[in-house]
Structures are given as C-alpha cells and as structure tokens.
Amino acid sequence: MDKIELLKKDTSEIVTEEEARELLNGNPEAYIGFEPSGLPHIATLLWVNKINDLVNLNMNVTVLLADWHAMVNDKFNGDLNKIIESGNFFKKTMIASGLSEKVKFIWAHDLVSNNDYWELLLKTAKASSLSRIRRSLPIMGRTEDDADRDFSKYIYPLMQVTDVFYLNSDFALGGTDQRHAYMLARDIAEKMERKKPVLIEGPLISSLKGTGRMDDFKKMSKSDPDSAIFLSDTNEDIKRKIKNAFCPMGITENNPIIDIIKYIIFPYYKTEITINRPDSHGGPFTVKSFKEFNELYLNSKIHPMDLKNAVSNILIEIISPISSKLKGD
C-alpha cells in the first residue's frame, strides 16, 4: 500500500490529497484533539488505528487532551478536576488499545497557560466572522441557540482552530463533525501567515439505537450508555447492547452493526470473521473482507441476528484484553 492509500484508509475525506502527497515526503506534524467527556467507547479503536497509520507514515503525532474545551462544553458540569481525571483514563485507554509509543500527549491547560496562545486566539478571532464561527458549532454538539445563551460556546471553535495553528500542524485529524472548524483553519491560514492544515476526516459510528430513518444520523454518545459499546463494558453488557441494536435487514446506511464491522472489526481484528448461521439456513460461513460482507448483507444473505451474535463474540474478544489492562489484571 503506497503512502496516500495508507493515509486514506478508513477515512471519509482528505482535504486535499494533492497537498497531502507533498507533505508525506517529509516528517509532517499531525494533531488530533479529544474532549474528555466520559468513558471511552469503541470509536477509540478507530482513532488508535488511524493515529498508528500516521506514525507509520513518519508523522509526528500530538494528541491534545482538550480539558478546557470540555469545561467550556459543560462536561462534568464544568468541573476541571473531573475532566482531567477522565482525560487521564482516556489516555490510559488509548495506550491499552495499542497506541504507538511515539505519540505525544499534551493538555489544553498547558497550552492556555501561555500568553502567546491567547494572542494567537485573538488574531484567529480577528480573521474570522461571527457567521463562520456559528457554522462551526456542530464540532461541540451545540446549536446557535446554545451559544446565544452562553457566549463561551463561540470561543470553542476559535480554540480548536488556535490549537491547530499553535501546534504548527501540517495535518488535522478529526471526525466528520469537526469539518467546519478545520475548514475555518484552512480558510484563514494564509491571512494568519500559518500553515494550511490538511484535513484527515474520519467516519463517525452510528448510535446503537439508530433513528428509524435512513436519512437521519446519530453517533454513538458517551452520555447515552445504551447508544455505545464502551471499552469497559462487561461481556454481558456487550451481548445485551448488540442484541438490542438497530440493524435492519439488507440495509447498511446508518446501521451501527455494519459500522462496527467496517470501522472496528475488520481494521482492528485484522482477520476473517465467521458467522455461525444455523444449519437450517445454510450453516456457518467465513467472510474475508468488508467488501465481501457488504455485498452479502445488501442482498439479505446474512440475517441480522446471526450477524449480531458474531459481532458480540468478536467484540468481546477485542475488548476483554483492553479491559483487563485498564483494571490492572
């Protein structure tokens, strides 16, 4: 696999591929920020995989533990001590999940202790418009009405853009919900005399609850325990949540079980999967790639309950060693 294909693996979009190709010839700086907001769920594995890909592309990767951002976003009712405790657990979870030792962690509270960070934030604000910042509010799961009631919410996108510039990032990695903030950074970079960061946009995993509508998307959420599989879940929790998960027959769009297969199991498990179908329906069979699996599911060749049983067993196999490390077993 060549460099650009490895960069694109398990992503939704690269903005832009041409810029990325040029940067991949060196040792670029890459950044991703995580807001400590609760127990880590299985999407953590997606990011661990992608970050390790960047390390293998000779990038210097910095993970920002965005505690001040979480405080602005009212996580743990704005209690910074609890947020930092959550951030420490998130860091421990990423390491237990196989994160490269070459990755550097940094805290937002260390960045904001520097006067030049706030000088850069003010310059970022002067280069931005209110309407443009409003469009960036989805990065924190907020609406314009939320920000109108609490002006600090408008500072959050400015902080995220400032983080990218302050860390001198060539690449900015984030989910599709982060796109507006990173595109703002790209839009004003020249005016700011800063690097224009290449956006590496990763997918979001659908809520286990689904929505009942194929044109409506909700992601797994730490604030809703039954919407997500947590890396600290027991085997019984995993089985129960997967059994009750939204998984319509023959439909893959916004299907959380399909998302788990595509973004977690095949990339992280790195092997073929076996689906133990009853003999009366053809018996067990093995799937060696997501492409093969996807074609079978779209053609209703795999029953959701058979798939759920397979997914439960594989997730238990993936999560159990991580959970043991977190517990110190």
C-alpha atoms as a PDB file:
ATOM      1  CA  MET A   1       0.000   0.000   0.000  1.00  0.00           C
ATOM      2  CA  ASP A   2       1.500   3.362  -1.015  1.00  0.00           C
ATOM      3  CA  LYS A   3       1.582   6.358   1.317  1.00  0.00           C
ATOM      4  CA  ILE A   4      -1.538   8.133   0.075  1.00  0.00           C
ATOM      5  CA  GLU A   5      -3.586   4.927   0.174  1.00  0.00           C
ATOM      6  CA  LEU A   6      -2.491   4.293   3.772  1.00  0.00           C
ATOM      7  CA  LEU A   7      -3.429   7.868   4.628  1.00  0.00           C
ATOM      8  CA  LYS A   8      -6.878   7.449   3.035  1.00  0.00           C
ATOM      9  CA  LYS A   9      -7.569   4.071   4.684  1.00  0.00           C
ATOM     10  CA  ASP A  10     -10.627   4.156   6.970  1.00  0.00           C
ATOM     11  CA  THR A  11     -11.254   7.866   6.333  1.00  0.00           C
ATOM     12  CA  SER A  12     -14.166   9.774   4.820  1.00  0.00           C
ATOM     13  CA  GLU A  13     -12.223  12.553   3.115  1.00  0.00           C
ATOM     14  CA  ILE A  14      -8.772  14.096   2.715  1.00  0.00           C
ATOM     15  CA  VAL A  15      -8.674  17.851   2.036  1.00  0.00           C
ATOM     16  CA  THR A  16      -6.668  17.865  -0.131  1.00  0.00           C
ATOM     17  CA  GLU A  17      -4.919  14.780  -1.497  1.00  0.00           C
ATOM     18  CA  GLU A  18      -2.556  16.886  -3.588  1.00  0.00           C
ATOM     19  CA  GLU A  19      -1.316  18.789  -0.538  1.00  0.00           C
ATOM     20  CA  ALA A  20      -1.074  15.554   1.429  1.00  0.00           C
ATOM     21  CA  ARG A  21       1.114  13.871  -1.199  1.00  0.00           C
ATOM     22  CA  GLU A  22       3.650  16.667  -0.991  1.00  0.00           C
ATOM     23  CA  LEU A  23       3.733  16.668   2.817  1.00  0.00           C
ATOM     24  CA  LEU A  24       4.141  12.898   3.024  1.00  0.00           C
ATOM     25  CA  ASN A  25       7.624  13.233   1.548  1.00  0.00           C
ATOM     26  CA  GLY A  26       8.852  14.648   4.861  1.00  0.00           C
ATOM     27  CA  ASN A  27       8.149  14.252   8.586  1.00  0.00           C
ATOM     28  CA  PRO A  28       4.985  16.313   8.998  1.00  0.00           C
ATOM     29  CA  GLU A  29       3.278  17.343  12.219  1.00  0.00           C
ATOM     30  CA  ALA A  30      -0.182  15.895  12.877  1.00  0.00           C
ATOM     31  CA  TYR A  31      -2.736  16.819  15.529  1.00  0.00           C
ATOM     32  CA  ILE A  32      -5.942  15.376  16.908  1.00  0.00           C
ATOM     33  CA  GLY A  33      -7.886  16.666  19.890  1.00  0.00           C
ATOM     34  CA  PHE A  34     -10.128  14.679  22.218  1.00  0.00           C
ATOM     35  CA  GLU A  35     -12.533  16.242  24.673  1.00  0.00           C
ATOM     36  CA  PRO A  36     -12.560  14.208  27.923  1.00  0.00           C
ATOM     37  CA  SER A  37     -16.253  13.671  28.481  1.00  0.00           C
ATOM     38  CA  GLY A  38     -16.845  10.186  29.873  1.00  0.00           C
ATOM     39  CA  LEU A  39     -15.947   6.554  29.384  1.00  0.00           C
ATOM     40  CA  PRO A  40     -14.199   5.778  26.068  1.00  0.00           C
ATOM     41  CA  HIS A  41     -16.255   3.735  23.607  1.00  0.00           C
ATOM     42  CA  ILE A  42     -15.220   1.563  20.676  1.00  0.00           C
ATOM     43  CA  ALA A  43     -14.708   4.502  18.307  1.00  0.00           C
ATOM     44  CA  THR A  44     -11.471   4.954  20.273  1.00  0.00           C
ATOM     45  CA  LEU A  45     -10.163   1.897  18.429  1.00  0.00           C
ATOM     46  CA  LEU A  46     -10.853   3.543  15.084  1.00  0.00           C
ATOM     47  CA  TRP A  47      -8.747   6.551  16.096  1.00  0.00           C
ATOM     48  CA  VAL A  48      -5.974   4.415  17.597  1.00  0.00           C
ATOM     49  CA  ASN A  49      -5.713   2.593  14.276  1.00  0.00           C
ATOM     50  CA  LYS A  50      -5.666   5.807  12.259  1.00  0.00           C
ATOM     51  CA  ILE A  51      -3.131   7.507  14.510  1.00  0.00           C
ATOM     52  CA  ASN A  52      -0.862   4.473  14.217  1.00  0.00           C
ATOM     53  CA  ASP A  53      -1.207   4.737  10.430  1.00  0.00           C
ATOM     54  CA  LEU A  54       0.048   8.323  10.656  1.00  0.00           C
ATOM     55  CA  VAL A  55       3.001   7.247  12.793  1.00  0.00           C
ATOM     56  CA  ASN A  56       3.828   4.630  10.146  1.00  0.00           C
ATOM     57  CA  LEU A  57       3.798   7.468   7.606  1.00  0.00           C
ATOM     58  CA  ASN A  58       6.599   9.145   9.615  1.00  0.00           C
ATOM     59  CA  MET A  59       4.332  11.806  11.100  1.00  0.00           C
ATOM     60  CA  ASN A  60       4.955  13.347  14.494  1.00  0.00           C
ATOM     61  CA  VAL A  61       1.522  12.942  16.082  1.00  0.00           C
ATOM     62  CA  THR A  62       0.261  15.009  19.010  1.00  0.00           C
ATOM     63  CA  VAL A  63      -2.902  14.060  20.884  1.00  0.00           C
ATOM     64  CA  LEU A  64      -4.432  17.056  22.632  1.00  0.00           C
ATOM     65  CA  LEU A  65      -6.392  16.206  25.769  1.00  0.00           C
ATOM     66  CA  ALA A  66      -8.815  19.103  25.471  1.00  0.00           C
ATOM     67  CA  ASP A  67      -9.782  19.650  29.101  1.00  0.00           C
ATOM     68  CA  TRP A  68     -10.503  23.375  28.777  1.00  0.00           C
ATOM     69  CA  HIS A  69     -12.647  22.683  25.750  1.00  0.00           C
ATOM     70  CA  ALA A  70     -14.612  20.127  27.773  1.00  0.00           C
ATOM     71  CA  MET A  71     -15.061  22.726  30.522  1.00  0.00           C
ATOM     72  CA  VAL A  72     -16.473  25.232  28.003  1.00  0.00           C
ATOM     73  CA  ASN A  73     -18.750  22.465  26.712  1.00  0.00           C
ATOM     74  CA  ASP A  74     -20.101  21.805  30.252  1.00  0.00           C
ATOM     75  CA  LYS A  75     -18.749  18.259  30.505  1.00  0.00           C
ATOM     76  CA  PHE A  76     -18.877  17.007  34.116  1.00  0.00           C
ATOM     77  CA  ASN A  77     -20.718  20.270  34.848  1.00  0.00           C
ATOM     78  CA  GLY A  78     -17.524  22.160  34.073  1.00  0.00           C
ATOM     79  CA  ASP A  79     -15.571  20.508  36.919  1.00  0.00           C
ATOM     80  CA  LEU A  80     -11.992  20.672  35.617  1.00  0.00           C
ATOM     81  CA  ASN A  81     -10.682  18.139  38.130  1.00  0.00           C
ATOM     82  CA  LYS A  82     -13.180  15.521  36.984  1.00  0.00           C
ATOM     83  CA  ILE A  83     -12.452  16.367  33.355  1.00  0.00           C
ATOM     84  CA  ILE A  84      -8.716  15.856  33.914  1.00  0.00           C
ATOM     85  CA  GLU A  85      -9.428  12.534  35.647  1.00  0.00           C
ATOM     86  CA  SER A  86     -11.459  11.488  32.602  1.00  0.00           C
ATOM     87  CA  GLY A  87      -8.651  12.631  30.303  1.00  0.00           C
ATOM     88  CA  ASN A  88      -6.090  10.544  32.175  1.00  0.00           C
ATOM     89  CA  PHE A  89      -8.327   7.486  31.835  1.00  0.00           C
ATOM     90  CA  PHE A  90      -8.792   8.183  28.124  1.00  0.00           C
ATOM     91  CA  LYS A  91      -5.013   8.354  27.654  1.00  0.00           C
ATOM     92  CA  LYS A  92      -4.593   5.092  29.561  1.00  0.00           C
ATOM     93  CA  THR A  93      -7.296   3.503  27.378  1.00  0.00           C
ATOM     94  CA  MET A  94      -5.638   4.557  24.137  1.00  0.00           C
ATOM     95  CA  ILE A  95      -2.327   3.087  25.294  1.00  0.00           C
ATOM     96  CA  ALA A  96      -4.034  -0.142  26.402  1.00  0.00           C
ATOM     97  CA  SER A  97      -5.671  -0.317  22.954  1.00  0.00           C
ATOM     98  CA  GLY A  98      -2.303  -0.431  21.207  1.00  0.00           C
ATOM     99  CA  LEU A  99      -1.461   3.225  20.542  1.00  0.00           C
ATOM    100  CA  SER A 100       2.091   3.747  19.309  1.00  0.00           C
ATOM    101  CA  GLU A 101       4.617   4.794  21.952  1.00  0.00           C
ATOM    102  CA  LYS A 102       5.784   7.510  19.561  1.00  0.00           C
ATOM    103  CA  VAL A 103       2.604   9.546  20.053  1.00  0.00           C
ATOM    104  CA  LYS A 104       2.908  12.665  22.199  1.00  0.00           C
ATOM    105  CA  PHE A 105       0.155  13.738  24.603  1.00  0.00           C
ATOM    106  CA  ILE A 106      -0.407  17.353  25.614  1.00  0.00           C
ATOM    107  CA  TRP A 107      -3.060  19.024  27.769  1.00  0.00           C
ATOM    108  CA  ALA A 108      -5.056  22.087  26.811  1.00  0.00           C
ATOM    109  CA  HIS A 109      -4.411  23.528  30.273  1.00  0.00           C
ATOM    110  CA  ASP A 110      -0.703  23.613  29.388  1.00  0.00           C
ATOM    111  CA  LEU A 111      -1.392  25.455  26.135  1.00  0.00           C
ATOM    112  CA  VAL A 112      -3.652  28.083  27.699  1.00  0.00           C
ATOM    113  CA  SER A 113      -1.078  28.868  30.393  1.00  0.00           C
ATOM    114  CA  ASN A 114       0.967  30.650  27.705  1.00  0.00           C
ATOM    115  CA  ASN A 115       0.242  34.272  26.809  1.00  0.00           C
ATOM    116  CA  ASP A 116       1.137  33.658  23.171  1.00  0.00           C
ATOM    117  CA  TYR A 117      -1.701  31.098  22.919  1.00  0.00           C
ATOM    118  CA  TRP A 118      -4.256  33.789  23.768  1.00  0.00           C
ATOM    119  CA  GLU A 119      -2.557  36.297  21.474  1.00  0.00           C
ATOM    120  CA  LEU A 120      -2.908  33.751  18.648  1.00  0.00           C
ATOM    121  CA  LEU A 121      -6.548  33.096  19.580  1.00  0.00           C
ATOM    122  CA  LEU A 122      -7.330  36.825  19.374  1.00  0.00           C
ATOM    123  CA  LYS A 123      -5.660  37.014  15.959  1.00  0.00           C
ATOM    124  CA  THR A 124      -7.721  33.974  14.901  1.00  0.00           C
ATOM    125  CA  ALA A 125     -10.880  35.747  16.088  1.00  0.00           C
ATOM    126  CA  LYS A 126      -9.972  38.887  14.120  1.00  0.00           C
ATOM    127  CA  ALA A 127      -9.520  36.768  10.989  1.00  0.00           C
ATOM    128  CA  SER A 128     -12.919  35.075  11.456  1.00  0.00           C
ATOM    129  CA  SER A 129     -16.514  36.233  11.131  1.00  0.00           C
ATOM    130  CA  LEU A 130     -19.328  35.508  13.562  1.00  0.00           C
ATOM    131  CA  SER A 131     -21.361  33.732  10.872  1.00  0.00           C
ATOM    132  CA  ARG A 132     -18.388  31.488  10.075  1.00  0.00           C
ATOM    133  CA  ILE A 133     -17.900  30.620  13.745  1.00  0.00           C
ATOM    134  CA  ARG A 134     -21.613  29.847  14.048  1.00  0.00           C
ATOM    135  CA  ARG A 135     -21.263  27.255  11.295  1.00  0.00           C
ATOM    136  CA  SER A 136     -18.531  25.560  13.338  1.00  0.00           C
ATOM    137  CA  LEU A 137     -20.681  24.954  16.427  1.00  0.00           C
ATOM    138  CA  PRO A 138     -21.547  21.315  15.478  1.00  0.00           C
ATOM    139  CA  ILE A 139     -17.975  20.372  16.498  1.00  0.00           C
ATOM    140  CA  MET A 140     -19.178  20.502  20.087  1.00  0.00           C
ATOM    141  CA  GLY A 141     -22.674  19.152  19.552  1.00  0.00           C
ATOM    142  CA  ARG A 142     -24.172  22.597  20.082  1.00  0.00           C
ATOM    143  CA  THR A 143     -26.576  24.853  18.232  1.00  0.00           C
ATOM    144  CA  GLU A 144     -26.626  28.591  17.647  1.00  0.00           C
ATOM    145  CA  ASP A 145     -29.295  28.918  20.349  1.00  0.00           C
ATOM    146  CA  ASP A 146     -26.949  27.251  22.873  1.00  0.00           C
ATOM    147  CA  ALA A 147     -24.218  29.739  22.011  1.00  0.00           C
ATOM    148  CA  ASP A 148     -26.584  32.700  22.200  1.00  0.00           C
ATOM    149  CA  ARG A 149     -27.400  31.706  25.789  1.00  0.00           C
ATOM    150  CA  ASP A 150     -23.747  31.109  26.699  1.00  0.00           C
ATOM    151  CA  PHE A 151     -21.212  33.145  24.731  1.00  0.00           C
ATOM    152  CA  SER A 152     -18.305  30.884  25.786  1.00  0.00           C
ATOM    153  CA  LYS A 153     -19.595  28.373  23.245  1.00  0.00           C
ATOM    154  CA  TYR A 154     -18.437  30.729  20.483  1.00  0.00           C
ATOM    155  CA  ILE A 155     -14.903  30.603  21.907  1.00  0.00           C
ATOM    156  CA  TYR A 156     -14.710  26.822  21.477  1.00  0.00           C
ATOM    157  CA  PRO A 157     -14.260  26.803  17.655  1.00  0.00           C
ATOM    158  CA  LEU A 158     -11.692  29.590  17.991  1.00  0.00           C
ATOM    159  CA  MET A 159      -9.785  27.473  20.493  1.00  0.00           C
ATOM    160  CA  GLN A 160      -9.807  24.476  18.171  1.00  0.00           C
ATOM    161  CA  VAL A 161      -8.502  26.496  15.242  1.00  0.00           C
ATOM    162  CA  THR A 162      -5.900  28.087  17.523  1.00  0.00           C
ATOM    163  CA  ASP A 163      -4.800  24.626  18.650  1.00  0.00           C
ATOM    164  CA  VAL A 164      -4.083  23.643  15.043  1.00  0.00           C
ATOM    165  CA  PHE A 165      -2.012  26.776  14.442  1.00  0.00           C
ATOM    166  CA  TYR A 166      -0.295  26.793  17.835  1.00  0.00           C
ATOM    167  CA  LEU A 167       0.872  23.184  17.422  1.00  0.00           C
ATOM    168  CA  ASN A 168       2.182  24.039  13.930  1.00  0.00           C
ATOM    169  CA  SER A 169       0.123  21.201  12.437  1.00  0.00           C
ATOM    170  CA  ASP A 170       0.509  20.038   8.850  1.00  0.00           C
ATOM    171  CA  PHE A 171      -2.372  17.580   9.275  1.00  0.00           C
ATOM    172  CA  ALA A 172      -5.501  17.915  11.415  1.00  0.00           C
ATOM    173  CA  LEU A 173      -7.352  14.690  12.160  1.00  0.00           C
ATOM    174  CA  GLY A 174     -10.970  14.545  13.301  1.00  0.00           C
ATOM    175  CA  GLY A 175     -14.433  13.159  12.734  1.00  0.00           C
ATOM    176  CA  THR A 176     -16.851  14.469  10.137  1.00  0.00           C
ATOM    177  CA  ASP A 177     -18.385  16.656  12.858  1.00  0.00           C
ATOM    178  CA  GLN A 178     -15.063  18.534  13.144  1.00  0.00           C
ATOM    179  CA  ARG A 179     -15.001  19.549   9.486  1.00  0.00           C
ATOM    180  CA  HIS A 180     -16.287  23.115   9.852  1.00  0.00           C
ATOM    181  CA  ALA A 181     -13.598  24.073  12.383  1.00  0.00           C
ATOM    182  CA  TYR A 182     -10.753  22.620  10.345  1.00  0.00           C
ATOM    183  CA  MET A 183     -12.055  24.197   7.153  1.00  0.00           C
ATOM    184  CA  LEU A 184     -12.120  27.526   9.000  1.00  0.00           C
ATOM    185  CA  ALA A 185      -8.438  26.951   9.849  1.00  0.00           C
ATOM    186  CA  ARG A 186      -7.736  26.303   6.159  1.00  0.00           C
ATOM    187  CA  ASP A 187      -9.729  29.344   5.064  1.00  0.00           C
ATOM    188  CA  ILE A 188      -7.868  31.817   7.285  1.00  0.00           C
ATOM    189  CA  ALA A 189      -4.400  30.192   7.330  1.00  0.00           C
ATOM    190  CA  GLU A 190      -2.938  32.411   4.608  1.00  0.00           C
ATOM    191  CA  LYS A 191      -4.283  35.562   6.252  1.00  0.00           C
ATOM    192  CA  MET A 192      -2.815  34.331   9.552  1.00  0.00           C
ATOM    193  CA  GLU A 193       0.536  33.505   7.887  1.00  0.00           C
ATOM    194  CA  ARG A 194       0.193  29.963   9.193  1.00  0.00           C
ATOM    195  CA  LYS A 195       0.332  26.532   7.613  1.00  0.00           C
ATOM    196  CA  LYS A 196      -2.845  25.482   5.820  1.00  0.00           C
ATOM    197  CA  PRO A 197      -3.592  22.154   7.545  1.00  0.00           C
ATOM    198  CA  VAL A 198      -4.594  19.132   5.512  1.00  0.00           C
ATOM    199  CA  LEU A 199      -7.843  17.718   6.879  1.00  0.00           C
ATOM    200  CA  ILE A 200      -7.997  13.991   7.572  1.00  0.00           C
ATOM    201  CA  GLU A 201     -11.692  13.377   8.145  1.00  0.00           C
ATOM    202  CA  GLY A 202     -12.622  10.131   9.873  1.00  0.00           C
ATOM    203  CA  PRO A 203     -16.054   8.480   9.944  1.00  0.00           C
ATOM    204  CA  LEU A 204     -18.479   8.505  12.855  1.00  0.00           C
ATOM    205  CA  ILE A 205     -20.059   5.307  14.172  1.00  0.00           C
ATOM    206  CA  SER A 206     -23.849   5.253  14.341  1.00  0.00           C
ATOM    207  CA  SER A 207     -25.714   5.081  17.632  1.00  0.00           C
ATOM    208  CA  LEU A 208     -26.748   1.545  18.550  1.00  0.00           C
ATOM    209  CA  LYS A 209     -30.274   2.869  18.950  1.00  0.00           C
ATOM    210  CA  GLY A 210     -30.466   4.047  15.346  1.00  0.00           C
ATOM    211  CA  THR A 211     -33.094   6.572  14.336  1.00  0.00           C
ATOM    212  CA  GLY A 212     -35.521   4.532  12.263  1.00  0.00           C
ATOM    213  CA  ARG A 213     -34.771   6.833   9.334  1.00  0.00           C
ATOM    214  CA  MET A 214     -32.043   6.223   6.786  1.00  0.00           C
ATOM    215  CA  ASP A 215     -31.591   9.956   6.142  1.00  0.00           C
ATOM    216  CA  ASP A 216     -31.035  10.808   9.808  1.00  0.00           C
ATOM    217  CA  PHE A 217     -27.753  10.114  11.603  1.00  0.00           C
ATOM    218  CA  LYS A 218     -26.907   9.977  15.290  1.00  0.00           C
ATOM    219  CA  LYS A 219     -23.500   8.917  16.512  1.00  0.00           C
ATOM    220  CA  MET A 220     -22.520   6.808  19.493  1.00  0.00           C
ATOM    221  CA  SER A 221     -22.559   9.017  22.574  1.00  0.00           C
ATOM    222  CA  LYS A 222     -20.764   8.752  25.902  1.00  0.00           C
ATOM    223  CA  SER A 223     -23.732  10.455  27.526  1.00  0.00           C
ATOM    224  CA  ASP A 224     -26.139   7.689  26.470  1.00  0.00           C
ATOM    225  CA  PRO A 225     -24.804   4.308  27.704  1.00  0.00           C
ATOM    226  CA  ASP A 226     -27.156   2.261  25.527  1.00  0.00           C
ATOM    227  CA  SER A 227     -26.070   4.079  22.361  1.00  0.00           C
ATOM    228  CA  ALA A 228     -22.482   2.841  22.549  1.00  0.00           C
ATOM    229  CA  ILE A 229     -20.196  -0.073  23.363  1.00  0.00           C
ATOM    230  CA  PHE A 230     -17.697   1.085  25.975  1.00  0.00           C
ATOM    231  CA  LEU A 231     -14.225  -0.416  26.294  1.00  0.00           C
ATOM    232  CA  SER A 232     -15.014  -1.033  29.952  1.00  0.00           C
ATOM    233  CA  ASP A 233     -18.284  -2.913  29.237  1.00  0.00           C
ATOM    234  CA  THR A 234     -18.693  -6.427  30.596  1.00  0.00           C
ATOM    235  CA  ASN A 235     -19.336  -9.366  28.278  1.00  0.00           C
ATOM    236  CA  GLU A 236     -22.968  -9.311  29.360  1.00  0.00           C
ATOM    237  CA  ASP A 237     -23.243  -5.588  28.579  1.00  0.00           C
ATOM    238  CA  ILE A 238     -21.828  -6.137  25.099  1.00  0.00           C
ATOM    239  CA  LYS A 239     -24.190  -9.015  24.336  1.00  0.00           C
ATOM    240  CA  ARG A 240     -27.229  -7.100  25.586  1.00  0.00           C
ATOM    241  CA  LYS A 241     -26.429  -3.901  23.717  1.00  0.00           C
ATOM    242  CA  ILE A 242     -25.649  -5.646  20.434  1.00  0.00           C
ATOM    243  CA  LYS A 243     -28.756  -7.834  20.722  1.00  0.00           C
ATOM    244  CA  ASN A 244     -30.938  -4.729  21.112  1.00  0.00           C
ATOM    245  CA  ALA A 245     -29.104  -2.660  18.480  1.00  0.00           C
ATOM    246  CA  PHE A 246     -30.770  -1.200  15.410  1.00  0.00           C
ATOM    247  CA  CYS A 247     -29.868  -3.449  12.453  1.00  0.00           C
ATOM    248  CA  PRO A 248     -32.402  -3.514   9.601  1.00  0.00           C
ATOM    249  CA  MET A 249     -32.199  -6.426   7.190  1.00  0.00           C
ATOM    250  CA  GLY A 250     -30.397  -5.669   3.930  1.00  0.00           C
ATOM    251  CA  ILE A 251     -29.679  -2.016   4.820  1.00  0.00           C
ATOM    252  CA  THR A 252     -26.156  -0.772   5.553  1.00  0.00           C
ATOM    253  CA  GLU A 253     -26.577   3.026   5.713  1.00  0.00           C
ATOM    254  CA  ASN A 254     -26.638   4.382   9.296  1.00  0.00           C
ATOM    255  CA  ASN A 255     -26.621   0.778  10.537  1.00  0.00           C
ATOM    256  CA  PRO A 256     -24.462   0.653  13.704  1.00  0.00           C
ATOM    257  CA  ILE A 257     -23.691  -3.057  13.408  1.00  0.00           C
ATOM    258  CA  ILE A 258     -22.423  -2.537   9.858  1.00  0.00           C
ATOM    259  CA  ASP A 259     -20.353   0.450  11.042  1.00  0.00           C
ATOM    260  CA  ILE A 260     -18.775  -1.717  13.731  1.00  0.00           C
ATOM    261  CA  ILE A 261     -17.928  -4.385  11.161  1.00  0.00           C
ATOM    262  CA  LYS A 262     -16.456  -1.832   8.743  1.00  0.00           C
ATOM    263  CA  TYR A 263     -14.581   0.528  11.051  1.00  0.00           C
ATOM    264  CA  ILE A 264     -13.729  -1.578  14.080  1.00  0.00           C
ATOM    265  CA  ILE A 265     -13.750  -5.309  13.452  1.00  0.00           C
ATOM    266  CA  PHE A 266     -12.042  -5.594  10.066  1.00  0.00           C
ATOM    267  CA  PRO A 267      -9.422  -2.856  10.705  1.00  0.00           C
ATOM    268  CA  TYR A 268      -8.738  -3.780  14.352  1.00  0.00           C
ATOM    269  CA  TYR A 269      -9.374  -7.531  14.381  1.00  0.00           C
ATOM    270  CA  LYS A 270      -7.413  -7.884  11.132  1.00  0.00           C
ATOM    271  CA  THR A 271      -8.694 -11.312  10.234  1.00  0.00           C
ATOM    272  CA  GLU A 272     -11.605 -13.102   8.608  1.00  0.00           C
ATOM    273  CA  ILE A 273     -14.821 -13.430  10.561  1.00  0.00           C
ATOM    274  CA  THR A 274     -17.061 -16.431  10.982  1.00  0.00           C
ATOM    275  CA  ILE A 275     -20.840 -16.146  11.123  1.00  0.00           C
ATOM    276  CA  ASN A 276     -22.433 -19.170  12.771  1.00  0.00           C
ATOM    277  CA  ARG A 277     -25.611 -19.442  10.762  1.00  0.00           C
ATOM    278  CA  PRO A 278     -27.976 -22.334  11.724  1.00  0.00           C
ATOM    279  CA  ASP A 279     -27.668 -25.461   9.562  1.00  0.00           C
ATOM    280  CA  SER A 280     -31.291 -24.982   8.528  1.00  0.00           C
ATOM    281  CA  HIS A 281     -30.239 -21.701   6.893  1.00  0.00           C
ATOM    282  CA  GLY A 282     -27.010 -22.895   5.275  1.00  0.00           C
ATOM    283  CA  GLY A 283     -24.690 -23.370   8.248  1.00  0.00           C
ATOM    284  CA  PRO A 284     -21.598 -21.375   9.344  1.00  0.00           C
ATOM    285  CA  PHE A 285     -19.577 -19.432   6.789  1.00  0.00           C
ATOM    286  CA  THR A 286     -16.497 -17.210   6.730  1.00  0.00           C
ATOM    287  CA  VAL A 287     -16.171 -13.681   5.344  1.00  0.00           C
ATOM    288  CA  LYS A 288     -12.678 -12.476   4.468  1.00  0.00           C
ATOM    289  CA  SER A 289     -13.245  -8.794   3.673  1.00  0.00           C
ATOM    290  CA  PHE A 290     -15.712  -5.999   4.281  1.00  0.00           C
ATOM    291  CA  LYS A 291     -16.424  -5.763   0.554  1.00  0.00           C
ATOM    292  CA  GLU A 292     -17.484  -9.413   0.507  1.00  0.00           C
ATOM    293  CA  PHE A 293     -19.530  -8.968   3.665  1.00  0.00           C
ATOM    294  CA  ASN A 294     -21.231  -5.804   2.404  1.00  0.00           C
ATOM    295  CA  GLU A 295     -22.414  -7.466  -0.808  1.00  0.00           C
ATOM    296  CA  LEU A 296     -23.844 -10.391   1.152  1.00  0.00           C
ATOM    297  CA  TYR A 297     -25.684  -8.139   3.602  1.00  0.00           C
ATOM    298  CA  LEU A 298     -27.096  -5.835   0.927  1.00  0.00           C
ATOM    299  CA  ASN A 299     -28.516  -8.906  -0.780  1.00  0.00           C
ATOM    300  CA  SER A 300     -30.071 -10.132   2.501  1.00  0.00           C
ATOM    301  CA  LYS A 301     -27.805 -13.199   2.599  1.00  0.00           C
ATOM    302  CA  ILE A 302     -26.968 -12.585   6.275  1.00  0.00           C
ATOM    303  CA  HIS A 303     -29.662 -12.431   8.940  1.00  0.00           C
ATOM    304  CA  PRO A 304     -29.274  -9.615  11.495  1.00  0.00           C
ATOM    305  CA  MET A 305     -29.464 -11.971  14.491  1.00  0.00           C
ATOM    306  CA  ASP A 306     -26.720 -14.231  13.115  1.00  0.00           C
ATOM    307  CA  LEU A 307     -24.630 -11.146  12.455  1.00  0.00           C
ATOM    308  CA  LYS A 308     -25.247  -9.756  15.938  1.00  0.00           C
ATOM    309  CA  ASN A 309     -24.135 -12.999  17.564  1.00  0.00           C
ATOM    310  CA  ALA A 310     -20.892 -12.934  15.562  1.00  0.00           C
ATOM    311  CA  VAL A 311     -20.264  -9.257  16.313  1.00  0.00           C
ATOM    312  CA  SER A 312     -20.870  -9.767  20.047  1.00  0.00           C
ATOM    313  CA  ASN A 313     -18.337 -12.597  20.227  1.00  0.00           C
ATOM    314  CA  ILE A 314     -15.682 -10.707  18.275  1.00  0.00           C
ATOM    315  CA  LEU A 315     -16.140  -7.500  20.294  1.00  0.00           C
ATOM    316  CA  ILE A 316     -15.738  -9.492  23.497  1.00  0.00           C
ATOM    317  CA  GLU A 317     -12.512 -10.952  22.094  1.00  0.00           C
ATOM    318  CA  ILE A 318     -11.258  -7.462  21.188  1.00  0.00           C
ATOM    319  CA  ILE A 319     -12.355  -5.625  24.332  1.00  0.00           C
ATOM    320  CA  SER A 320     -11.534  -8.197  27.033  1.00  0.00           C
ATOM    321  CA  PRO A 321      -7.731  -7.740  26.938  1.00  0.00           C
ATOM    322  CA  ILE A 322      -8.118  -3.957  26.871  1.00  0.00           C
ATOM    323  CA  SER A 323     -10.500  -4.067  29.821  1.00  0.00           C
ATOM    324  CA  SER A 324      -8.087  -6.332  31.733  1.00  0.00           C
ATOM    325  CA  LYS A 325      -5.240  -3.865  31.209  1.00  0.00           C
ATOM    326  CA  LEU A 326      -7.411  -0.994  32.421  1.00  0.00           C
ATOM    327  CA  LYS A 327      -8.300  -2.959  35.550  1.00  0.00           C
ATOM    328  CA  GLY A 328      -4.673  -3.958  36.102  1.00  0.00           C
ATOM    329  CA  ASP A 329      -5.400  -7.695  35.811  1.00  0.00           C
END
